[in-house]
N, C-alpha and C. Protein backbone atom coordinates (compact mmCIF):
# COMPACT_ATOMS: atom_id res chain seq x y z
N UNK A 1 -136.15 190.37 -138.99
CA UNK A 1 -135.10 189.82 -138.79
C UNK A 1 -134.25 188.94 -139.40
N UNK A 2 -132.86 189.12 -139.40
CA UNK A 2 -132.18 188.18 -140.39
C UNK A 2 -131.76 186.93 -139.72
N UNK A 3 -131.29 185.90 -140.39
CA UNK A 3 -131.14 184.61 -139.64
C UNK A 3 -129.62 184.34 -139.30
N UNK A 4 -128.83 185.34 -139.16
CA UNK A 4 -127.52 185.36 -138.71
C UNK A 4 -127.55 185.09 -137.21
N UNK A 5 -126.52 184.30 -136.85
CA UNK A 5 -126.19 184.08 -135.42
C UNK A 5 -125.88 185.39 -134.82
N UNK A 6 -126.28 185.91 -133.91
CA UNK A 6 -125.74 186.94 -133.13
C UNK A 6 -124.88 186.57 -131.87
N UNK A 7 -124.17 187.58 -131.51
CA UNK A 7 -123.47 187.12 -130.02
C UNK A 7 -122.89 188.54 -129.72
N UNK A 8 -122.84 188.84 -128.39
CA UNK A 8 -122.43 189.88 -127.82
C UNK A 8 -120.70 190.11 -127.93
N UNK A 9 -120.32 188.83 -127.77
CA UNK A 9 -118.87 188.49 -127.99
C UNK A 9 -118.00 188.73 -129.22
N UNK A 10 -116.99 188.90 -129.33
CA UNK A 10 -116.25 189.33 -130.57
C UNK A 10 -116.20 187.87 -131.61
N UNK A 11 -116.30 187.64 -132.95
CA UNK A 11 -116.20 186.91 -133.68
C UNK A 11 -114.86 185.82 -133.49
N UNK A 12 -114.09 185.91 -132.51
CA UNK A 12 -113.05 184.91 -132.72
C UNK A 12 -112.56 184.66 -131.38
N UNK A 13 -111.68 183.77 -130.89
CA UNK A 13 -111.57 183.23 -129.63
C UNK A 13 -111.03 184.48 -128.94
N UNK A 14 -111.01 184.42 -127.30
CA UNK A 14 -111.73 183.80 -126.79
C UNK A 14 -113.34 184.31 -126.61
N UNK A 15 -113.83 184.87 -127.81
CA UNK A 15 -115.01 185.18 -127.45
C UNK A 15 -115.98 184.05 -128.40
N UNK A 16 -115.55 183.26 -129.41
CA UNK A 16 -116.05 182.23 -130.05
C UNK A 16 -117.73 182.60 -130.48
N UNK A 17 -117.66 183.81 -130.82
CA UNK A 17 -119.14 184.16 -131.44
C UNK A 17 -119.11 183.63 -133.04
N UNK A 18 -119.83 184.29 -133.87
CA UNK A 18 -119.85 183.91 -135.36
C UNK A 18 -118.46 183.93 -135.86
N UNK A 19 -117.89 182.87 -136.27
CA UNK A 19 -116.51 182.83 -136.75
C UNK A 19 -116.56 182.67 -138.22
N UNK A 20 -117.49 181.68 -139.10
CA UNK A 20 -117.28 181.53 -140.43
C UNK A 20 -118.61 181.72 -141.08
N UNK A 21 -118.74 181.62 -142.33
CA UNK A 21 -119.78 181.79 -143.31
C UNK A 21 -119.07 181.50 -144.65
N UNK A 22 -120.23 181.05 -145.45
CA UNK A 22 -120.02 180.53 -146.77
C UNK A 22 -120.95 181.23 -147.78
N UNK A 23 -119.95 181.69 -148.68
CA UNK A 23 -120.79 182.46 -149.91
C UNK A 23 -120.49 182.01 -150.94
N UNK A 24 -121.51 181.89 -151.89
CA UNK A 24 -121.39 181.40 -153.16
C UNK A 24 -120.96 182.63 -154.27
N UNK A 25 -119.42 182.24 -155.08
CA UNK A 25 -119.01 182.66 -155.91
C UNK A 25 -119.57 183.13 -156.89
N UNK A 26 -119.28 183.95 -157.88
CA UNK A 26 -119.77 184.32 -159.16
C UNK A 26 -119.59 183.18 -160.16
N UNK A 27 -118.44 182.37 -159.91
CA UNK A 27 -117.90 181.19 -160.83
C UNK A 27 -119.01 180.12 -160.57
N UNK A 28 -119.65 180.14 -159.75
CA UNK A 28 -120.27 178.88 -159.00
C UNK A 28 -119.69 177.90 -157.74
N UNK A 29 -118.60 178.39 -157.55
CA UNK A 29 -117.81 177.74 -156.21
C UNK A 29 -118.55 178.22 -155.17
N UNK A 30 -117.98 178.00 -153.93
CA UNK A 30 -118.31 178.16 -152.67
C UNK A 30 -117.13 178.45 -151.90
N UNK A 31 -117.14 179.99 -151.33
CA UNK A 31 -115.76 180.45 -150.63
C UNK A 31 -116.40 180.24 -148.93
N UNK A 32 -115.40 179.53 -148.23
CA UNK A 32 -115.87 179.55 -146.95
C UNK A 32 -114.92 180.66 -146.35
N UNK A 33 -115.45 181.53 -145.51
CA UNK A 33 -114.72 182.64 -144.77
C UNK A 33 -114.51 182.29 -143.58
N UNK A 34 -113.61 182.86 -142.75
CA UNK A 34 -113.43 182.64 -141.15
C UNK A 34 -112.37 183.65 -140.71
N UNK A 35 -112.29 183.78 -139.65
CA UNK A 35 -111.33 184.61 -138.67
C UNK A 35 -110.43 183.48 -137.85
N UNK A 36 -109.15 183.77 -138.20
CA UNK A 36 -108.13 182.99 -137.48
C UNK A 36 -107.97 183.53 -135.96
N UNK A 37 -107.23 182.79 -135.22
CA UNK A 37 -106.99 183.00 -133.91
C UNK A 37 -106.72 184.49 -133.61
N UNK A 38 -106.12 185.11 -134.30
CA UNK A 38 -105.70 186.52 -134.25
C UNK A 38 -106.66 187.44 -134.82
N UNK A 39 -107.89 187.10 -135.41
CA UNK A 39 -108.60 188.07 -135.81
C UNK A 39 -108.64 188.17 -137.37
N UNK A 40 -107.76 187.96 -137.89
CA UNK A 40 -107.57 188.09 -139.60
C UNK A 40 -108.48 187.17 -140.11
N UNK A 41 -109.07 187.80 -141.28
CA UNK A 41 -109.93 186.97 -142.07
C UNK A 41 -109.43 186.11 -143.05
N UNK A 42 -109.73 184.97 -143.24
CA UNK A 42 -109.13 184.16 -144.19
C UNK A 42 -110.36 183.46 -145.10
N UNK A 43 -110.06 182.90 -146.37
CA UNK A 43 -110.88 182.30 -146.86
C UNK A 43 -110.28 181.27 -148.02
N UNK A 44 -111.36 180.27 -148.46
CA UNK A 44 -110.79 179.15 -148.98
C UNK A 44 -111.85 178.72 -149.92
N UNK A 45 -111.70 178.21 -151.30
CA UNK A 45 -112.73 178.30 -152.11
C UNK A 45 -112.91 176.42 -152.42
N UNK A 46 -114.10 175.96 -152.63
CA UNK A 46 -114.56 174.74 -152.72
C UNK A 46 -115.38 174.59 -153.83
N UNK A 47 -115.45 173.40 -154.43
CA UNK A 47 -116.43 173.16 -155.65
C UNK A 47 -117.86 172.88 -155.10
N UNK A 48 -118.24 172.53 -153.74
CA UNK A 48 -119.34 172.33 -153.16
C UNK A 48 -119.56 172.73 -151.90
N UNK A 49 -120.75 173.22 -151.58
CA UNK A 49 -121.19 173.85 -150.47
C UNK A 49 -120.83 172.80 -149.09
N UNK A 50 -121.03 171.86 -149.75
CA UNK A 50 -120.77 170.33 -148.68
C UNK A 50 -119.46 170.44 -148.15
N UNK A 51 -118.47 170.58 -149.00
CA UNK A 51 -117.10 170.51 -148.79
C UNK A 51 -116.86 171.93 -147.99
N UNK A 52 -117.36 173.03 -148.21
CA UNK A 52 -116.84 174.24 -147.81
C UNK A 52 -117.60 174.33 -146.28
N UNK A 53 -118.68 173.66 -146.17
CA UNK A 53 -119.30 173.66 -144.42
C UNK A 53 -118.46 172.57 -143.94
N UNK A 54 -117.97 171.46 -144.46
CA UNK A 54 -117.24 170.71 -143.58
C UNK A 54 -115.81 171.05 -143.28
N UNK A 55 -115.19 171.82 -144.11
CA UNK A 55 -113.97 172.45 -143.91
C UNK A 55 -114.01 173.74 -142.82
N UNK A 56 -115.20 174.23 -143.00
CA UNK A 56 -115.46 175.48 -141.87
C UNK A 56 -115.77 174.89 -140.56
N UNK A 57 -116.50 173.79 -140.37
CA UNK A 57 -116.78 173.30 -139.21
C UNK A 57 -115.38 172.46 -138.66
N UNK A 58 -114.39 172.03 -139.36
CA UNK A 58 -113.20 171.81 -138.93
C UNK A 58 -112.26 172.65 -138.37
N UNK A 59 -112.12 173.74 -139.34
CA UNK A 59 -111.52 175.00 -138.79
C UNK A 59 -111.90 175.60 -137.52
N UNK A 60 -113.32 175.61 -137.47
CA UNK A 60 -113.89 176.20 -136.17
C UNK A 60 -113.72 175.70 -134.89
N UNK A 61 -113.63 174.25 -135.15
CA UNK A 61 -113.21 173.33 -134.00
C UNK A 61 -111.95 173.51 -133.70
N UNK A 62 -110.98 173.32 -134.71
CA UNK A 62 -109.35 173.67 -134.41
C UNK A 62 -109.34 174.89 -133.79
N UNK A 63 -109.84 175.80 -134.18
CA UNK A 63 -109.71 177.23 -133.50
C UNK A 63 -110.40 177.21 -131.91
N UNK A 64 -111.43 176.77 -131.75
CA UNK A 64 -111.93 176.40 -130.38
C UNK A 64 -110.99 175.57 -129.59
N UNK A 65 -110.31 174.62 -130.16
CA UNK A 65 -109.49 173.61 -129.38
C UNK A 65 -108.00 174.47 -129.28
N UNK A 66 -107.83 175.07 -130.09
CA UNK A 66 -106.69 175.83 -129.82
C UNK A 66 -105.41 175.30 -130.89
N UNK A 67 -105.93 174.57 -131.53
CA UNK A 67 -105.21 173.61 -132.34
C UNK A 67 -104.92 174.04 -133.90
N UNK A 68 -105.48 175.31 -134.10
CA UNK A 68 -105.59 175.88 -135.36
C UNK A 68 -104.24 176.31 -135.94
N UNK A 69 -103.95 175.64 -137.24
CA UNK A 69 -102.61 176.00 -137.97
C UNK A 69 -102.95 176.89 -139.10
N UNK A 70 -102.36 178.06 -139.30
CA UNK A 70 -102.91 178.71 -140.62
C UNK A 70 -102.46 177.78 -141.88
N UNK A 71 -103.16 177.98 -142.97
CA UNK A 71 -102.78 177.06 -144.07
C UNK A 71 -101.74 177.81 -144.79
N UNK A 72 -101.39 178.98 -144.78
CA UNK A 72 -100.37 179.55 -145.40
C UNK A 72 -99.00 179.84 -144.53
N UNK A 73 -99.25 179.02 -143.11
CA UNK A 73 -97.97 178.96 -142.35
C UNK A 73 -96.62 178.49 -142.89
N UNK A 74 -96.52 177.46 -143.73
CA UNK A 74 -95.91 176.65 -144.20
C UNK A 74 -95.08 177.38 -145.59
N UNK A 75 -95.58 178.55 -145.86
CA UNK A 75 -94.90 179.19 -147.12
C UNK A 75 -93.65 179.81 -147.02
N UNK A 76 -93.01 179.66 -145.82
CA UNK A 76 -91.69 180.12 -145.67
C UNK A 76 -90.64 179.06 -146.30
N UNK A 77 -89.83 179.32 -146.97
CA UNK A 77 -88.54 178.09 -147.56
C UNK A 77 -87.87 177.68 -146.40
N UNK A 78 -87.56 176.62 -146.52
CA UNK A 78 -86.75 176.05 -145.61
C UNK A 78 -85.47 176.72 -145.38
N UNK A 79 -84.97 176.94 -146.47
CA UNK A 79 -83.50 177.60 -146.53
C UNK A 79 -83.62 178.99 -145.73
N UNK A 80 -84.82 179.84 -145.82
CA UNK A 80 -84.77 180.92 -145.28
C UNK A 80 -85.15 180.79 -143.61
N UNK A 81 -85.70 179.54 -143.35
CA UNK A 81 -85.92 179.52 -142.13
C UNK A 81 -85.00 179.30 -141.23
N UNK A 82 -84.02 178.33 -142.10
CA UNK A 82 -82.92 177.78 -141.52
C UNK A 82 -81.54 179.16 -141.29
N UNK A 83 -81.48 179.85 -142.37
CA UNK A 83 -80.84 181.00 -142.27
C UNK A 83 -81.06 181.77 -140.98
N UNK A 84 -82.75 181.95 -140.76
CA UNK A 84 -83.14 182.94 -139.50
C UNK A 84 -82.83 182.06 -138.52
N UNK A 85 -83.05 181.07 -138.15
CA UNK A 85 -82.68 180.00 -136.96
C UNK A 85 -81.23 180.03 -136.61
N UNK A 86 -80.39 179.86 -137.89
CA UNK A 86 -78.85 180.12 -137.35
C UNK A 86 -78.28 181.48 -136.96
N UNK A 87 -79.02 182.52 -137.60
CA UNK A 87 -78.60 183.97 -137.26
C UNK A 87 -79.12 184.15 -135.78
N UNK A 88 -80.00 183.46 -135.15
CA UNK A 88 -80.72 183.82 -133.74
C UNK A 88 -79.92 182.91 -132.93
N UNK A 89 -78.95 182.05 -133.34
CA UNK A 89 -78.26 181.02 -132.08
C UNK A 89 -76.78 181.90 -131.76
N UNK A 90 -76.30 181.71 -130.77
CA UNK A 90 -74.93 181.78 -130.34
C UNK A 90 -74.32 180.73 -130.02
N UNK A 91 -73.63 180.36 -131.23
CA UNK A 91 -72.81 179.00 -131.14
C UNK A 91 -71.44 179.17 -131.30
N UNK A 92 -70.77 178.04 -131.13
CA UNK A 92 -69.03 177.84 -131.34
C UNK A 92 -69.15 177.93 -132.74
N UNK A 93 -67.79 178.61 -133.48
CA UNK A 93 -67.50 178.65 -134.77
C UNK A 93 -67.80 177.16 -135.39
N UNK A 94 -67.28 175.95 -134.81
CA UNK A 94 -67.29 174.69 -135.15
C UNK A 94 -68.97 174.51 -135.33
N UNK A 95 -69.81 174.51 -134.43
CA UNK A 95 -71.01 174.26 -134.49
C UNK A 95 -71.76 174.96 -135.41
N UNK A 96 -71.44 176.14 -135.87
CA UNK A 96 -71.96 177.28 -136.59
C UNK A 96 -71.73 176.45 -137.97
N UNK A 97 -70.22 176.30 -138.60
CA UNK A 97 -69.92 175.78 -139.73
C UNK A 97 -70.59 174.19 -139.92
N UNK A 98 -70.65 173.57 -138.84
CA UNK A 98 -71.26 172.07 -139.14
C UNK A 98 -72.75 172.36 -139.69
N UNK A 99 -73.47 173.39 -138.81
CA UNK A 99 -75.12 173.40 -139.17
C UNK A 99 -75.24 174.32 -140.65
N UNK A 100 -74.42 175.14 -140.99
CA UNK A 100 -74.23 175.77 -142.21
C UNK A 100 -74.09 174.61 -143.47
N UNK A 101 -73.28 173.66 -143.17
CA UNK A 101 -72.93 172.44 -144.13
C UNK A 101 -74.30 171.53 -144.18
N UNK A 102 -75.00 171.53 -143.27
CA UNK A 102 -76.16 170.60 -143.18
C UNK A 102 -77.28 171.05 -143.99
N UNK A 103 -77.39 172.43 -143.86
CA UNK A 103 -78.74 173.24 -144.56
C UNK A 103 -78.72 173.64 -145.98
N UNK A 104 -79.52 173.89 -146.83
CA UNK A 104 -79.30 174.21 -147.93
C UNK A 104 -78.77 175.77 -148.13
N UNK A 105 -78.02 175.99 -149.13
CA UNK A 105 -77.38 177.59 -149.50
C UNK A 105 -78.58 178.32 -150.30
N UNK A 106 -79.38 177.84 -151.07
CA UNK A 106 -80.30 178.31 -152.13
C UNK A 106 -81.62 178.51 -151.27
N UNK A 107 -82.27 179.59 -151.62
CA UNK A 107 -83.31 179.91 -150.84
C UNK A 107 -84.70 179.72 -151.81
């Protein structure tokens, strides 16, 4: 019998079964693998198994608490976010002009 934890529930919340594991990469680093709250697999590489295990424990706890934030969530540039935000609002022309003057024009 293998030594993996088994669960009849899915490996992501609300099931909280086996969420992550660590794999040694060919380069000698350690890759922490986990599933985010939506069930998508994520990975991050660390120089030591201890760092990978620590990160994985923190990530699993954040997912269980509902406070998990995807590390890639901040990849959207502010200018693009501001553009999208301005486009979703229904403001007066003067307000729209003011907001446009306060946000960057380049993406």
